[in-house]
């Protein structure tokens, strides 16, 4: 994410400091982990649904 155009625009701002950079990098990392976890839960849920089927 650090190479994205929006992130580079934020970094080039006069209001951006090194302490912001560390916090922003941490936030991006955490958000990336959350997205990965959500995708894993969705995959697990879909696998569970397909294995149960509708055997009525």
C-alpha atoms as a PDB file:
ATOM      1  CA  UNK A   1       0.000   0.000   0.000  1.00  0.00           C
ATOM      2  CA  UNK A   2       2.920   2.275   0.613  1.00  0.00           C
ATOM      3  CA  UNK A   3       3.463   2.548  -3.126  1.00  0.00           C
ATOM      4  CA  UNK A   4      -0.106   3.537  -3.968  1.00  0.00           C
ATOM      5  CA  UNK A   5      -0.665   6.942  -5.556  1.00  0.00           C
ATOM      6  CA  UNK A   6      -2.913   8.164  -2.711  1.00  0.00           C
ATOM      7  CA  UNK A   7      -0.383   7.137  -0.074  1.00  0.00           C
ATOM      8  CA  UNK A   8       2.432   8.928  -1.911  1.00  0.00           C
ATOM      9  CA  UNK A   9       0.234  12.036  -2.130  1.00  0.00           C
ATOM     10  CA  UNK A  10      -0.318  11.927   1.645  1.00  0.00           C
ATOM     11  CA  UNK A  11       3.416  11.454   2.271  1.00  0.00           C
ATOM     12  CA  UNK A  12       4.287  14.473   0.132  1.00  0.00           C
ATOM     13  CA  UNK A  13       1.961  16.749   2.123  1.00  0.00           C
ATOM     14  CA  UNK A  14       3.590  19.469   4.219  1.00  0.00           C
ATOM     15  CA  UNK A  15       1.482  18.243   7.162  1.00  0.00           C
ATOM     16  CA  UNK A  16       2.953  14.761   7.020  1.00  0.00           C
ATOM     17  CA  UNK A  17       5.685  13.934   9.539  1.00  0.00           C
ATOM     18  CA  UNK A  18       7.798  10.898  10.394  1.00  0.00           C
ATOM     19  CA  UNK A  19       5.599  10.092  13.377  1.00  0.00           C
ATOM     20  CA  UNK A  20       2.539  10.166  11.078  1.00  0.00           C
ATOM     21  CA  UNK A  21       4.372   7.859   8.690  1.00  0.00           C
ATOM     22  CA  UNK A  22       4.906   5.210  11.365  1.00  0.00           C
ATOM     23  CA  UNK A  23       1.297   5.420  12.534  1.00  0.00           C
ATOM     24  CA  UNK A  24      -0.020   5.355   8.974  1.00  0.00           C
ATOM     25  CA  UNK A  25       2.127   2.355   8.050  1.00  0.00           C
ATOM     26  CA  UNK A  26       0.843   0.538  11.140  1.00  0.00           C
ATOM     27  CA  UNK A  27      -2.747   1.403  10.222  1.00  0.00           C
ATOM     28  CA  UNK A  28      -2.273   0.102   6.658  1.00  0.00           C
ATOM     29  CA  UNK A  29      -0.757  -3.114   7.997  1.00  0.00           C
ATOM     30  CA  UNK A  30      -3.601  -3.637  10.459  1.00  0.00           C
ATOM     31  CA  UNK A  31      -6.234  -2.935   7.810  1.00  0.00           C
ATOM     32  CA  UNK A  32      -4.539  -5.391   5.465  1.00  0.00           C
ATOM     33  CA  UNK A  33      -4.653  -8.070   8.177  1.00  0.00           C
ATOM     34  CA  UNK A  34      -8.339  -7.341   8.822  1.00  0.00           C
ATOM     35  CA  UNK A  35      -9.166  -7.642   5.111  1.00  0.00           C
ATOM     36  CA  UNK A  36      -7.290 -10.968   4.961  1.00  0.00           C
ATOM     37  CA  UNK A  37      -9.164 -12.259   8.000  1.00  0.00           C
ATOM     38  CA  UNK A  38     -12.539 -11.231   6.546  1.00  0.00           C
ATOM     39  CA  UNK A  39     -11.708 -13.020   3.289  1.00  0.00           C
ATOM     40  CA  UNK A  40     -10.733 -16.167   5.211  1.00  0.00           C
ATOM     41  CA  UNK A  41     -13.979 -16.117   7.188  1.00  0.00           C
ATOM     42  CA  UNK A  42     -15.990 -15.636   3.990  1.00  0.00           C
ATOM     43  CA  UNK A  43     -14.193 -18.568   2.322  1.00  0.00           C
ATOM     44  CA  UNK A  44     -14.759 -20.744   5.381  1.00  0.00           C
ATOM     45  CA  UNK A  45     -18.442 -19.783   5.469  1.00  0.00           C
ATOM     46  CA  UNK A  46     -18.896 -20.585   1.769  1.00  0.00           C
ATOM     47  CA  UNK A  47     -17.176 -23.954   2.188  1.00  0.00           C
ATOM     48  CA  UNK A  48     -19.440 -24.759   5.143  1.00  0.00           C
ATOM     49  CA  UNK A  49     -22.567 -23.857   3.181  1.00  0.00           C
ATOM     50  CA  UNK A  50     -21.597 -25.931   0.149  1.00  0.00           C
ATOM     51  CA  UNK A  51     -20.754 -29.002   2.249  1.00  0.00           C
ATOM     52  CA  UNK A  52     -24.159 -28.950   4.005  1.00  0.00           C
ATOM     53  CA  UNK A  53     -26.217 -28.578   0.841  1.00  0.00           C
ATOM     54  CA  UNK A  54     -30.009 -28.711   0.828  1.00  0.00           C
ATOM     55  CA  UNK A  55     -30.823 -32.364   1.308  1.00  0.00           C
ATOM     56  CA  UNK A  56     -34.501 -31.920   2.090  1.00  0.00           C
END
